[in-house]
């Protein structure tokens, strides 16, 4: 977030604070951000509970659907000619037991379960 005329955070019960450029600040729920000399303020709304419920609904729908290998298959294109199976597995290192099949300039990756698609 930024403006050439400064960015200000308005917190309830406090005077506005000018944010320094390229410095990370923790914003709280209901903080209001004002860009430069604008009279508009933007309120931060964070609903983590809603996000969690949405992820649970998605996981429930995926679990209810039949397992289809095609839905678990990812095609990685534009690979370097020198790329090998280990290079492609590095892209999916957070998902164990992926199956990689190399082709000309591409690879086909089959994930172990449909729940890994959202990782």
Foldseek 3Di string as FASTA:
>chain_A
DAEPQFKWKDDPPDDIDTDDPPDDDDDDAQIWMDYHPDPDIDGDHDDVVVVVVVVVVVVVVQVPDDWDQVLQKDKAAQADQPDDPVNVVVVVVVAPDWDWDDDRRMIMITGPGNVSVVD
